[in-house]
């Protein structure tokens, strides 16, 4: 079934928002993510429900059906493969790839997708550490432990950066906080204060608002 770009954007947004949400995804969250009105979201959700791609209840929110999830994973696979291709092959910086991939993800063929995956040696994660679904729709494990939850003295590896804001990404790269880096938590200020970390022999202070967007795994 051929879907419009708008429908694909909604399906992808519901999937991504649902990863960190208990239950369904509210129309308010979808509206904020896509920068559209709540009325537009409600109309689209009803359309998606009739197409069998979404289940929706007023006080529960929207949840993808199995058919909707399959489509979402395919779109996300396109997007994240494109991000990695743009960075590794075409020389884009990691703060530029998201917007470019947003434009291209709806338009590449399955053959082109396969060629990119083969060229990149079938990668499992994009430049920001987000997992790339496999060809058959299996999502690799996602780093879901925020840096704010790490204990003092604990060593962790930065797994992914959840915020795609270009200015933030440029700042993180400048201070060396990129996926794959191993760090130690040295100090945590109370009341959502900054976190002091150590990378090799250098200490850095990271604000709480940044730290909640940094997700870690065991090194």
N, C-alpha and C. Protein backbone atom coordinates (compact mmCIF):
# COMPACT_ATOMS: atom_id res chain seq x y z
N UNK A 1 0.84 -1.18 0.00
CA UNK A 1 0.00 0.00 0.00
C UNK A 1 0.88 1.23 0.00
N UNK A 2 0.62 2.13 -0.95
CA UNK A 2 1.39 3.37 -1.04
C UNK A 2 0.84 4.37 -0.02
N UNK A 3 1.73 4.90 0.79
CA UNK A 3 1.33 5.85 1.84
C UNK A 3 1.90 7.22 1.55
N UNK A 4 1.18 8.24 1.95
CA UNK A 4 1.68 9.60 1.77
C UNK A 4 2.81 9.87 2.77
N UNK A 5 3.59 10.89 2.48
CA UNK A 5 4.68 11.26 3.38
C UNK A 5 4.14 11.66 4.75
N UNK A 6 2.99 12.35 4.76
CA UNK A 6 2.39 12.77 6.03
C UNK A 6 2.02 11.57 6.90
N UNK A 7 1.43 10.55 6.27
CA UNK A 7 1.06 9.34 7.02
C UNK A 7 2.31 8.66 7.59
N UNK A 8 3.34 8.55 6.77
CA UNK A 8 4.57 7.93 7.23
C UNK A 8 5.19 8.72 8.39
N UNK A 9 5.12 10.04 8.32
CA UNK A 9 5.66 10.87 9.41
C UNK A 9 4.91 10.61 10.72
N UNK A 10 3.60 10.48 10.63
CA UNK A 10 2.80 10.20 11.83
C UNK A 10 3.15 8.83 12.41
N UNK A 11 3.23 7.85 11.55
CA UNK A 11 3.51 6.49 12.02
C UNK A 11 4.88 6.43 12.70
N UNK A 12 5.86 7.07 12.08
CA UNK A 12 7.20 7.09 12.67
C UNK A 12 7.20 7.81 14.01
N UNK A 13 6.51 8.95 14.08
CA UNK A 13 6.46 9.73 15.32
C UNK A 13 5.82 8.93 16.44
N UNK A 14 4.73 8.24 16.15
CA UNK A 14 4.04 7.45 17.18
C UNK A 14 4.95 6.34 17.69
N UNK A 15 5.67 5.69 16.79
CA UNK A 15 6.58 4.63 17.21
C UNK A 15 7.68 5.19 18.12
N UNK A 16 8.35 6.26 17.69
CA UNK A 16 9.47 6.81 18.45
C UNK A 16 9.01 7.35 19.81
N UNK A 17 7.87 8.05 19.82
CA UNK A 17 7.35 8.58 21.08
C UNK A 17 6.93 7.44 22.01
N UNK A 18 6.47 6.35 21.42
CA UNK A 18 6.00 5.23 22.23
C UNK A 18 7.10 4.46 22.93
N UNK A 19 8.34 4.59 22.44
CA UNK A 19 9.47 3.86 23.04
C UNK A 19 9.64 4.25 24.51
N UNK A 20 9.47 5.54 24.81
CA UNK A 20 9.67 6.02 26.17
C UNK A 20 8.36 6.38 26.87
N UNK A 21 7.25 5.81 26.40
CA UNK A 21 5.94 6.15 26.95
C UNK A 21 5.23 4.90 27.45
N UNK A 22 4.67 5.00 28.64
CA UNK A 22 3.83 3.91 29.16
C UNK A 22 2.45 4.05 28.54
N UNK A 23 1.96 3.00 27.90
CA UNK A 23 0.65 3.06 27.28
C UNK A 23 0.71 3.75 25.93
N UNK A 24 -0.42 4.33 25.51
CA UNK A 24 -0.48 4.98 24.22
C UNK A 24 0.17 6.36 24.23
N UNK A 25 0.34 6.92 23.04
CA UNK A 25 0.95 8.24 22.89
C UNK A 25 -0.16 9.27 22.74
N UNK A 26 -0.11 10.32 23.54
CA UNK A 26 -1.16 11.33 23.52
C UNK A 26 -1.12 12.16 22.25
N UNK A 27 -2.27 12.71 21.87
CA UNK A 27 -2.33 13.59 20.70
C UNK A 27 -1.49 14.84 20.93
N UNK A 28 -1.39 15.27 22.18
CA UNK A 28 -0.59 16.46 22.49
C UNK A 28 0.88 16.22 22.17
N UNK A 29 1.39 15.05 22.56
CA UNK A 29 2.80 14.72 22.28
C UNK A 29 3.05 14.61 20.78
N UNK A 30 2.13 14.01 20.07
CA UNK A 30 2.29 13.87 18.62
C UNK A 30 2.27 15.26 17.97
N UNK A 31 1.36 16.11 18.41
CA UNK A 31 1.26 17.47 17.86
C UNK A 31 2.55 18.24 18.09
N UNK A 32 3.12 18.11 19.28
CA UNK A 32 4.38 18.81 19.60
C UNK A 32 5.52 18.28 18.73
N UNK A 33 5.58 16.96 18.57
CA UNK A 33 6.67 16.35 17.80
C UNK A 33 6.62 16.74 16.33
N UNK A 34 5.43 16.83 15.77
CA UNK A 34 5.27 17.12 14.35
C UNK A 34 4.98 18.59 14.05
N UNK A 35 4.83 19.36 15.14
CA UNK A 35 4.56 20.81 15.02
C UNK A 35 3.30 21.07 14.20
N UNK A 36 2.23 20.38 14.60
CA UNK A 36 0.92 20.57 13.98
C UNK A 36 -0.10 20.77 15.09
N UNK A 37 -1.34 21.09 14.72
CA UNK A 37 -2.38 21.32 15.71
C UNK A 37 -2.93 19.99 16.24
N UNK A 38 -3.49 20.04 17.44
CA UNK A 38 -4.11 18.84 18.02
C UNK A 38 -5.27 18.35 17.17
N UNK A 39 -6.00 19.30 16.55
CA UNK A 39 -7.12 18.92 15.68
C UNK A 39 -6.63 18.12 14.48
N UNK A 40 -5.49 18.55 13.91
CA UNK A 40 -4.91 17.82 12.77
C UNK A 40 -4.52 16.41 13.18
N UNK A 41 -3.94 16.28 14.38
CA UNK A 41 -3.54 14.96 14.88
C UNK A 41 -4.76 14.06 15.04
N UNK A 42 -5.81 14.60 15.65
CA UNK A 42 -7.03 13.80 15.87
C UNK A 42 -7.59 13.29 14.55
N UNK A 43 -7.63 14.16 13.55
CA UNK A 43 -8.15 13.75 12.24
C UNK A 43 -7.29 12.66 11.61
N UNK A 44 -5.97 12.83 11.70
CA UNK A 44 -5.08 11.82 11.12
C UNK A 44 -5.16 10.49 11.86
N UNK A 45 -5.25 10.55 13.18
CA UNK A 45 -5.33 9.32 13.97
C UNK A 45 -6.58 8.53 13.59
N UNK A 46 -7.68 9.23 13.39
CA UNK A 46 -8.92 8.55 12.97
C UNK A 46 -8.72 7.87 11.62
N UNK A 47 -8.03 8.57 10.72
CA UNK A 47 -7.75 8.01 9.39
C UNK A 47 -6.87 6.77 9.51
N UNK A 48 -5.83 6.86 10.34
CA UNK A 48 -4.91 5.73 10.52
C UNK A 48 -5.62 4.54 11.18
N UNK A 49 -6.55 4.83 12.08
CA UNK A 49 -7.31 3.76 12.73
C UNK A 49 -8.18 3.02 11.71
N UNK A 50 -8.80 3.77 10.79
CA UNK A 50 -9.61 3.14 9.74
C UNK A 50 -8.76 2.29 8.80
N UNK A 51 -7.49 2.69 8.65
CA UNK A 51 -6.58 1.93 7.78
C UNK A 51 -5.98 0.72 8.49
N UNK A 52 -6.29 0.58 9.78
CA UNK A 52 -5.78 -0.57 10.53
C UNK A 52 -4.34 -0.42 10.98
N UNK A 53 -3.84 0.83 11.02
CA UNK A 53 -2.44 1.06 11.38
C UNK A 53 -2.28 1.53 12.83
N UNK A 54 -3.35 2.00 13.42
CA UNK A 54 -3.30 2.57 14.77
C UNK A 54 -4.53 2.15 15.56
N UNK A 55 -4.34 1.93 16.86
CA UNK A 55 -5.46 1.79 17.79
C UNK A 55 -5.49 3.07 18.63
N UNK A 56 -6.68 3.61 18.86
CA UNK A 56 -6.75 4.87 19.60
C UNK A 56 -7.95 4.88 20.55
N UNK A 57 -7.69 5.32 21.79
CA UNK A 57 -8.74 5.58 22.77
C UNK A 57 -8.46 6.94 23.39
N UNK A 58 -9.51 7.71 23.62
CA UNK A 58 -9.37 9.11 24.06
C UNK A 58 -8.46 9.28 25.27
N UNK A 59 -8.61 8.46 26.28
CA UNK A 59 -7.84 8.65 27.51
C UNK A 59 -6.62 7.74 27.60
N UNK A 60 -6.38 7.00 26.54
CA UNK A 60 -5.23 6.09 26.50
C UNK A 60 -4.18 6.58 25.52
N UNK A 61 -4.63 7.10 24.38
CA UNK A 61 -3.72 7.58 23.36
C UNK A 61 -3.64 6.65 22.16
N UNK A 62 -2.67 6.92 21.31
CA UNK A 62 -2.51 6.16 20.07
C UNK A 62 -1.42 5.11 20.21
N UNK A 63 -1.68 3.94 19.64
CA UNK A 63 -0.73 2.83 19.68
C UNK A 63 -0.74 2.15 18.32
N UNK A 64 0.42 1.87 17.78
CA UNK A 64 0.49 1.23 16.47
C UNK A 64 0.05 -0.23 16.54
N UNK A 65 -0.65 -0.66 15.50
CA UNK A 65 -0.95 -2.08 15.33
C UNK A 65 0.31 -2.76 14.79
N UNK A 66 0.27 -4.06 14.65
CA UNK A 66 1.42 -4.78 14.09
C UNK A 66 1.75 -4.27 12.69
N UNK A 67 0.71 -3.99 11.90
CA UNK A 67 0.93 -3.46 10.55
C UNK A 67 1.58 -2.09 10.61
N UNK A 68 1.13 -1.27 11.55
CA UNK A 68 1.71 0.06 11.71
C UNK A 68 3.16 0.00 12.16
N UNK A 69 3.47 -0.92 13.07
CA UNK A 69 4.84 -1.07 13.56
C UNK A 69 5.78 -1.50 12.43
N UNK A 70 5.30 -2.39 11.59
CA UNK A 70 6.12 -2.86 10.47
C UNK A 70 6.50 -1.70 9.55
N UNK A 71 5.54 -0.84 9.26
CA UNK A 71 5.80 0.32 8.41
C UNK A 71 6.75 1.29 9.11
N UNK A 72 6.51 1.52 10.40
CA UNK A 72 7.36 2.44 11.17
C UNK A 72 8.81 1.98 11.17
N UNK A 73 9.03 0.70 11.39
CA UNK A 73 10.39 0.18 11.44
C UNK A 73 11.09 0.31 10.09
N UNK A 74 10.35 0.18 9.01
CA UNK A 74 10.93 0.34 7.68
C UNK A 74 11.35 1.79 7.44
N UNK A 75 10.50 2.73 7.85
CA UNK A 75 10.83 4.15 7.68
C UNK A 75 12.04 4.51 8.54
N UNK A 76 12.04 4.03 9.77
CA UNK A 76 13.15 4.32 10.69
C UNK A 76 14.45 3.71 10.15
N UNK A 77 14.36 2.52 9.58
CA UNK A 77 15.54 1.89 8.99
C UNK A 77 16.09 2.78 7.86
N UNK A 78 15.21 3.25 6.99
CA UNK A 78 15.64 4.16 5.92
C UNK A 78 16.36 5.38 6.50
N UNK A 79 15.71 5.99 7.48
CA UNK A 79 16.23 7.24 8.05
C UNK A 79 17.62 7.04 8.67
N UNK A 80 17.76 6.02 9.47
CA UNK A 80 19.02 5.85 10.21
C UNK A 80 20.14 5.33 9.32
N UNK A 81 19.82 4.52 8.33
CA UNK A 81 20.84 4.13 7.35
C UNK A 81 21.31 5.35 6.56
N UNK A 82 20.37 6.20 6.19
CA UNK A 82 20.72 7.41 5.46
C UNK A 82 21.61 8.33 6.30
N UNK A 83 21.29 8.47 7.59
CA UNK A 83 22.12 9.30 8.46
C UNK A 83 23.57 8.80 8.47
N UNK A 84 23.72 7.50 8.62
CA UNK A 84 25.06 6.93 8.67
C UNK A 84 25.77 7.06 7.32
N UNK A 85 25.05 6.84 6.25
CA UNK A 85 25.61 6.99 4.91
C UNK A 85 26.08 8.43 4.67
N UNK A 86 25.25 9.38 5.03
CA UNK A 86 25.60 10.79 4.85
C UNK A 86 26.85 11.16 5.63
N UNK A 87 26.99 10.60 6.82
CA UNK A 87 28.16 10.93 7.65
C UNK A 87 29.41 10.18 7.18
N UNK A 88 29.30 8.87 7.01
CA UNK A 88 30.47 8.05 6.75
C UNK A 88 30.95 8.12 5.30
N UNK A 89 30.03 8.28 4.36
CA UNK A 89 30.40 8.25 2.94
C UNK A 89 30.46 9.65 2.33
N UNK A 90 29.50 10.48 2.70
CA UNK A 90 29.40 11.79 2.06
C UNK A 90 30.04 12.93 2.86
N UNK A 91 30.49 12.62 4.08
CA UNK A 91 31.24 13.61 4.83
C UNK A 91 30.43 14.64 5.58
N UNK A 92 29.13 14.39 5.75
CA UNK A 92 28.32 15.30 6.57
C UNK A 92 28.73 15.15 8.04
N UNK A 93 28.56 16.21 8.81
CA UNK A 93 28.79 16.12 10.25
C UNK A 93 27.54 15.54 10.91
N UNK A 94 27.68 15.03 12.14
CA UNK A 94 26.55 14.33 12.76
C UNK A 94 25.41 15.28 13.14
N UNK A 95 25.68 16.60 13.15
CA UNK A 95 24.62 17.55 13.44
C UNK A 95 23.84 17.95 12.18
N UNK A 96 24.28 17.50 11.00
CA UNK A 96 23.62 17.85 9.74
C UNK A 96 22.77 16.71 9.17
N UNK A 97 23.03 15.48 9.60
CA UNK A 97 22.45 14.34 8.90
C UNK A 97 20.95 14.15 9.13
N UNK A 98 20.45 14.56 10.29
CA UNK A 98 19.05 14.30 10.62
C UNK A 98 18.11 14.97 9.62
N UNK A 99 18.30 16.26 9.40
CA UNK A 99 17.40 17.00 8.51
C UNK A 99 17.48 16.48 7.08
N UNK A 100 18.69 16.12 6.63
CA UNK A 100 18.84 15.58 5.27
C UNK A 100 18.13 14.24 5.15
N UNK A 101 18.28 13.39 6.16
CA UNK A 101 17.64 12.07 6.13
C UNK A 101 16.12 12.19 6.17
N UNK A 102 15.60 13.22 6.88
CA UNK A 102 14.16 13.45 6.92
C UNK A 102 13.60 13.67 5.52
N UNK A 103 14.36 14.38 4.70
CA UNK A 103 13.90 14.67 3.34
C UNK A 103 13.96 13.44 2.44
N UNK A 104 14.95 12.58 2.67
CA UNK A 104 15.21 11.47 1.75
C UNK A 104 14.51 10.16 2.12
N UNK A 105 14.16 9.99 3.40
CA UNK A 105 13.72 8.68 3.89
C UNK A 105 12.49 8.13 3.17
N UNK A 106 11.63 9.01 2.65
CA UNK A 106 10.38 8.57 2.01
C UNK A 106 10.57 8.18 0.55
N UNK A 107 11.75 8.44 0.01
CA UNK A 107 11.89 8.36 -1.44
C UNK A 107 12.89 7.31 -1.94
N UNK A 108 13.58 6.61 -1.03
CA UNK A 108 14.55 5.62 -1.52
C UNK A 108 13.86 4.27 -1.73
N UNK A 109 14.35 3.53 -2.70
CA UNK A 109 13.80 2.21 -2.99
C UNK A 109 14.39 1.17 -2.05
N UNK A 110 13.77 -0.02 -2.04
CA UNK A 110 14.29 -1.11 -1.22
C UNK A 110 15.67 -1.54 -1.72
N UNK A 111 15.87 -1.46 -3.03
CA UNK A 111 17.17 -1.81 -3.59
C UNK A 111 18.25 -0.83 -3.12
N UNK A 112 17.91 0.46 -3.10
CA UNK A 112 18.85 1.47 -2.63
C UNK A 112 19.17 1.27 -1.15
N UNK A 113 18.13 0.95 -0.38
CA UNK A 113 18.32 0.66 1.05
C UNK A 113 19.29 -0.50 1.24
N UNK A 114 19.09 -1.58 0.46
CA UNK A 114 19.96 -2.75 0.57
C UNK A 114 21.41 -2.41 0.21
N UNK A 115 21.59 -1.58 -0.81
CA UNK A 115 22.93 -1.19 -1.24
C UNK A 115 23.65 -0.38 -0.16
N UNK A 116 22.91 0.54 0.48
CA UNK A 116 23.49 1.33 1.56
C UNK A 116 23.91 0.42 2.70
N UNK A 117 23.03 -0.49 3.10
CA UNK A 117 23.33 -1.40 4.21
C UNK A 117 24.55 -2.25 3.91
N UNK A 118 24.63 -2.75 2.67
CA UNK A 118 25.78 -3.56 2.27
C UNK A 118 27.07 -2.74 2.29
N UNK A 119 27.00 -1.52 1.76
CA UNK A 119 28.16 -0.64 1.72
C UNK A 119 28.68 -0.32 3.12
N UNK A 120 27.75 -0.19 4.08
CA UNK A 120 28.11 0.16 5.46
C UNK A 120 28.33 -1.07 6.33
N UNK A 121 28.34 -2.25 5.70
CA UNK A 121 28.58 -3.52 6.41
C UNK A 121 27.47 -3.82 7.42
N UNK A 122 26.23 -3.58 7.00
CA UNK A 122 25.04 -3.90 7.79
C UNK A 122 25.13 -3.36 9.22
N UNK A 123 25.16 -2.05 9.37
CA UNK A 123 25.34 -1.44 10.70
C UNK A 123 24.12 -1.64 11.59
N UNK A 124 24.34 -1.54 12.89
CA UNK A 124 23.25 -1.70 13.86
C UNK A 124 22.86 -0.40 14.54
N UNK A 125 23.68 0.67 14.39
CA UNK A 125 23.37 1.94 15.04
C UNK A 125 23.75 3.12 14.14
N UNK A 126 23.01 4.20 14.27
CA UNK A 126 23.28 5.40 13.47
C UNK A 126 24.31 6.29 14.18
N UNK A 127 24.68 7.45 13.62
CA UNK A 127 25.73 8.27 14.23
C UNK A 127 25.41 8.76 15.64
N UNK A 128 24.12 8.83 15.99
CA UNK A 128 23.74 9.32 17.32
C UNK A 128 23.56 8.18 18.32
N UNK A 129 23.80 6.95 17.86
CA UNK A 129 23.68 5.79 18.75
C UNK A 129 22.31 5.15 18.73
N UNK A 130 21.39 5.67 17.91
CA UNK A 130 20.06 5.05 17.83
C UNK A 130 20.14 3.75 17.04
N UNK A 131 19.42 2.72 17.48
CA UNK A 131 19.50 1.43 16.79
C UNK A 131 18.83 1.46 15.42
N UNK A 132 19.41 0.72 14.47
CA UNK A 132 18.85 0.60 13.13
C UNK A 132 18.11 -0.73 13.03
N UNK A 133 16.81 -0.70 12.76
CA UNK A 133 16.08 -1.97 12.62
C UNK A 133 16.68 -2.82 11.50
N UNK A 134 16.67 -4.13 11.69
CA UNK A 134 17.17 -5.02 10.66
C UNK A 134 16.18 -5.09 9.50
N UNK A 135 16.61 -5.70 8.42
CA UNK A 135 15.77 -5.82 7.22
C UNK A 135 14.45 -6.53 7.54
N UNK A 136 14.49 -7.49 8.48
CA UNK A 136 13.27 -8.22 8.82
C UNK A 136 12.53 -7.62 10.01
N UNK A 137 12.87 -6.37 10.37
CA UNK A 137 12.08 -5.64 11.37
C UNK A 137 12.43 -5.89 12.81
N UNK A 138 13.63 -6.38 13.08
CA UNK A 138 14.07 -6.57 14.47
C UNK A 138 14.86 -5.34 14.91
N UNK A 139 14.46 -4.76 16.03
CA UNK A 139 15.13 -3.57 16.54
C UNK A 139 16.22 -3.98 17.53
N UNK A 140 17.49 -3.60 17.27
CA UNK A 140 18.56 -3.90 18.23
C UNK A 140 18.28 -3.25 19.58
N UNK A 141 18.96 -3.72 20.59
CA UNK A 141 18.77 -3.17 21.94
C UNK A 141 19.12 -1.68 21.94
N UNK A 142 18.31 -0.92 22.65
CA UNK A 142 18.52 0.52 22.71
C UNK A 142 19.10 0.91 24.08
N UNK A 143 20.05 1.84 24.07
CA UNK A 143 20.59 2.35 25.34
C UNK A 143 19.51 3.20 26.00
N UNK A 144 19.03 2.78 27.17
CA UNK A 144 17.88 3.48 27.77
C UNK A 144 18.12 3.91 29.21
N UNK A 145 19.38 3.90 29.67
CA UNK A 145 19.70 4.34 31.03
C UNK A 145 20.28 5.75 30.96
N UNK A 146 19.53 6.78 31.40
CA UNK A 146 20.06 8.13 31.31
C UNK A 146 21.28 8.34 32.20
N UNK A 147 22.17 9.19 31.75
CA UNK A 147 23.37 9.49 32.53
C UNK A 147 23.02 9.98 33.92
N UNK A 148 21.89 10.63 34.06
CA UNK A 148 21.46 11.15 35.37
C UNK A 148 21.23 10.05 36.39
N UNK A 149 21.03 8.81 35.93
CA UNK A 149 20.77 7.70 36.85
C UNK A 149 22.04 6.94 37.22
N UNK A 150 23.15 7.24 36.57
CA UNK A 150 24.41 6.55 36.88
C UNK A 150 24.89 6.92 38.29
N UNK A 151 25.52 5.97 38.96
CA UNK A 151 26.00 6.19 40.33
C UNK A 151 27.37 6.85 40.31
N UNK A 152 27.68 7.57 41.37
CA UNK A 152 29.01 8.17 41.52
C UNK A 152 30.05 7.04 41.58
N UNK A 153 31.11 7.18 40.79
CA UNK A 153 32.15 6.17 40.72
C UNK A 153 31.90 5.11 39.67
N UNK A 154 30.72 5.13 39.06
CA UNK A 154 30.38 4.12 38.05
C UNK A 154 30.96 4.49 36.69
N UNK A 155 31.49 3.50 36.00
CA UNK A 155 31.96 3.69 34.63
C UNK A 155 30.88 3.22 33.66
N UNK A 156 30.56 4.06 32.69
CA UNK A 156 29.53 3.72 31.70
C UNK A 156 30.03 4.14 30.32
N UNK A 157 29.39 3.60 29.30
CA UNK A 157 29.68 4.01 27.93
C UNK A 157 28.49 4.82 27.40
N UNK A 158 28.77 5.93 26.75
CA UNK A 158 27.70 6.70 26.14
C UNK A 158 27.17 5.93 24.94
N UNK A 159 25.88 5.54 25.02
CA UNK A 159 25.29 4.72 23.97
C UNK A 159 24.59 5.51 22.90
N UNK A 160 23.83 6.54 23.32
CA UNK A 160 23.12 7.34 22.31
C UNK A 160 22.80 8.72 22.86
N UNK A 161 22.59 9.64 21.94
CA UNK A 161 22.16 11.00 22.27
C UNK A 161 20.74 11.14 21.75
N UNK A 162 19.80 11.39 22.65
CA UNK A 162 18.38 11.39 22.27
C UNK A 162 17.95 12.68 21.59
N UNK A 163 18.62 13.78 21.88
CA UNK A 163 18.24 15.08 21.33
C UNK A 163 19.01 15.34 20.03
N UNK A 164 18.29 15.66 18.95
CA UNK A 164 18.93 15.86 17.65
C UNK A 164 19.24 17.34 17.36
N UNK A 165 19.11 18.19 18.37
CA UNK A 165 19.36 19.61 18.17
C UNK A 165 20.79 19.83 17.67
N UNK A 166 20.97 20.44 16.49
CA UNK A 166 22.31 20.60 15.90
C UNK A 166 23.29 21.33 16.81
N UNK A 167 22.82 22.35 17.52
CA UNK A 167 23.70 23.11 18.40
C UNK A 167 24.21 22.23 19.54
N UNK A 168 23.32 21.41 20.10
CA UNK A 168 23.72 20.49 21.16
C UNK A 168 24.72 19.47 20.64
N UNK A 169 24.46 18.90 19.46
CA UNK A 169 25.37 17.90 18.90
C UNK A 169 26.75 18.48 18.64
N UNK A 170 26.79 19.70 18.13
CA UNK A 170 28.10 20.34 17.90
C UNK A 170 28.84 20.54 19.22
N UNK A 171 28.11 20.92 20.26
CA UNK A 171 28.73 21.13 21.57
C UNK A 171 29.26 19.81 22.14
N UNK A 172 28.46 18.76 22.03
CA UNK A 172 28.88 17.46 22.57
C UNK A 172 30.13 16.94 21.85
N UNK A 173 30.17 17.13 20.53
CA UNK A 173 31.35 16.70 19.78
C UNK A 173 32.57 17.52 20.19
N UNK A 174 32.36 18.79 20.43
CA UNK A 174 33.46 19.68 20.83
C UNK A 174 34.09 19.24 22.14
N UNK A 175 33.27 18.75 23.08
CA UNK A 175 33.80 18.35 24.39
C UNK A 175 34.09 16.84 24.44
N UNK A 176 33.90 16.15 23.32
CA UNK A 176 34.27 14.74 23.26
C UNK A 176 33.23 13.76 23.75
N UNK A 177 31.96 14.21 23.89
CA UNK A 177 30.90 13.32 24.36
C UNK A 177 30.13 12.77 23.15
N UNK A 178 30.64 11.68 22.60
CA UNK A 178 30.02 11.05 21.43
C UNK A 178 29.80 9.57 21.75
N UNK A 179 28.83 8.93 21.10
CA UNK A 179 28.58 7.51 21.37
C UNK A 179 29.84 6.66 21.24
N UNK A 180 30.01 5.76 22.22
CA UNK A 180 31.18 4.88 22.23
C UNK A 180 32.22 5.30 23.25
N UNK A 181 32.12 6.54 23.75
CA UNK A 181 33.10 7.03 24.71
C UNK A 181 32.79 6.46 26.11
N UNK A 182 33.82 6.05 26.82
CA UNK A 182 33.66 5.53 28.19
C UNK A 182 33.96 6.66 29.17
N UNK A 183 33.10 6.81 30.16
CA UNK A 183 33.27 7.89 31.12
C UNK A 183 32.96 7.40 32.53
N UNK A 184 33.42 8.17 33.50
CA UNK A 184 33.15 7.86 34.91
C UNK A 184 32.42 9.03 35.55
N UNK A 185 31.40 8.72 36.33
CA UNK A 185 30.67 9.76 37.05
C UNK A 185 31.43 10.10 38.33
N UNK A 186 31.83 11.36 38.45
CA UNK A 186 32.65 11.79 39.59
C UNK A 186 31.81 12.45 40.68
N UNK A 187 30.84 13.26 40.26
CA UNK A 187 30.06 14.02 41.24
C UNK A 187 28.69 14.33 40.65
N UNK A 188 27.66 14.32 41.51
CA UNK A 188 26.32 14.69 41.07
C UNK A 188 25.76 15.73 42.04
N UNK A 189 25.53 16.92 41.55
CA UNK A 189 24.97 17.97 42.41
C UNK A 189 23.50 17.67 42.68
N UNK A 190 23.01 18.00 43.89
CA UNK A 190 21.60 17.71 44.21
C UNK A 190 20.64 18.64 43.48
N UNK A 191 19.34 18.29 43.58
CA UNK A 191 18.27 19.11 43.02
C UNK A 191 18.44 19.36 41.52
N UNK A 192 18.69 18.27 40.80
CA UNK A 192 18.85 18.34 39.34
C UNK A 192 19.97 19.29 38.92
N UNK A 193 21.04 19.27 39.70
CA UNK A 193 22.20 20.09 39.39
C UNK A 193 23.10 19.39 38.39
N UNK A 194 24.22 20.02 38.03
CA UNK A 194 25.12 19.46 37.03
C UNK A 194 25.81 18.17 37.51
N UNK A 195 26.31 17.42 36.54
CA UNK A 195 27.01 16.16 36.81
C UNK A 195 28.46 16.31 36.34
N UNK A 196 29.39 15.96 37.21
CA UNK A 196 30.81 15.98 36.84
C UNK A 196 31.22 14.59 36.39
N UNK A 197 31.80 14.53 35.20
CA UNK A 197 32.24 13.24 34.67
C UNK A 197 33.73 13.31 34.34
N UNK A 198 34.34 12.14 34.20
CA UNK A 198 35.75 12.08 33.82
C UNK A 198 35.90 11.20 32.60
N UNK A 199 36.55 11.74 31.56
CA UNK A 199 36.89 10.98 30.36
C UNK A 199 38.40 10.90 30.31
N UNK A 200 38.91 9.68 30.48
CA UNK A 200 40.35 9.46 30.66
C UNK A 200 40.79 10.29 31.87
N UNK A 201 41.64 11.31 31.69
CA UNK A 201 42.10 12.09 32.85
C UNK A 201 41.47 13.48 32.92
N UNK A 202 40.50 13.73 32.05
CA UNK A 202 39.91 15.07 32.00
C UNK A 202 38.51 15.07 32.60
N UNK A 203 38.26 16.03 33.50
CA UNK A 203 36.93 16.17 34.09
C UNK A 203 36.11 17.21 33.33
N UNK A 204 34.83 16.91 33.18
CA UNK A 204 33.89 17.80 32.52
C UNK A 204 32.64 17.95 33.38
N UNK A 205 32.05 19.12 33.34
CA UNK A 205 30.79 19.35 34.05
C UNK A 205 29.68 19.43 33.01
N UNK A 206 28.67 18.57 33.17
CA UNK A 206 27.57 18.50 32.22
C UNK A 206 26.28 18.91 32.92
N UNK A 207 25.58 19.88 32.34
CA UNK A 207 24.31 20.33 32.91
C UNK A 207 23.27 19.23 32.90
N UNK A 208 22.36 19.28 33.86
CA UNK A 208 21.33 18.25 33.99
C UNK A 208 20.46 18.16 32.74
N UNK A 209 20.12 19.30 32.14
CA UNK A 209 19.26 19.30 30.95
C UNK A 209 19.92 18.60 29.77
N UNK A 210 21.25 18.62 29.75
CA UNK A 210 21.97 17.87 28.71
C UNK A 210 22.05 16.40 29.10
N UNK A 211 22.36 16.14 30.37
CA UNK A 211 22.58 14.77 30.83
C UNK A 211 21.36 13.87 30.65
N UNK A 212 20.15 14.44 30.74
CA UNK A 212 18.94 13.60 30.58
C UNK A 212 18.77 13.13 29.14
N UNK A 213 19.52 13.73 28.21
CA UNK A 213 19.46 13.31 26.81
C UNK A 213 20.57 12.34 26.44
N UNK A 214 21.43 12.00 27.41
CA UNK A 214 22.54 11.10 27.17
C UNK A 214 22.23 9.75 27.80
N UNK A 215 22.17 8.71 26.98
CA UNK A 215 21.81 7.39 27.47
C UNK A 215 22.99 6.44 27.41
N UNK A 216 23.14 5.66 28.44
CA UNK A 216 24.36 4.87 28.63
C UNK A 216 24.11 3.37 28.62
N UNK A 217 25.20 2.63 28.41
CA UNK A 217 25.20 1.18 28.51
C UNK A 217 26.46 0.77 29.27
N UNK A 218 26.53 -0.50 29.63
CA UNK A 218 27.74 -0.98 30.29
C UNK A 218 28.90 -0.99 29.29
N UNK A 219 30.10 -0.56 29.72
CA UNK A 219 31.24 -0.52 28.78
C UNK A 219 31.69 -1.92 28.37
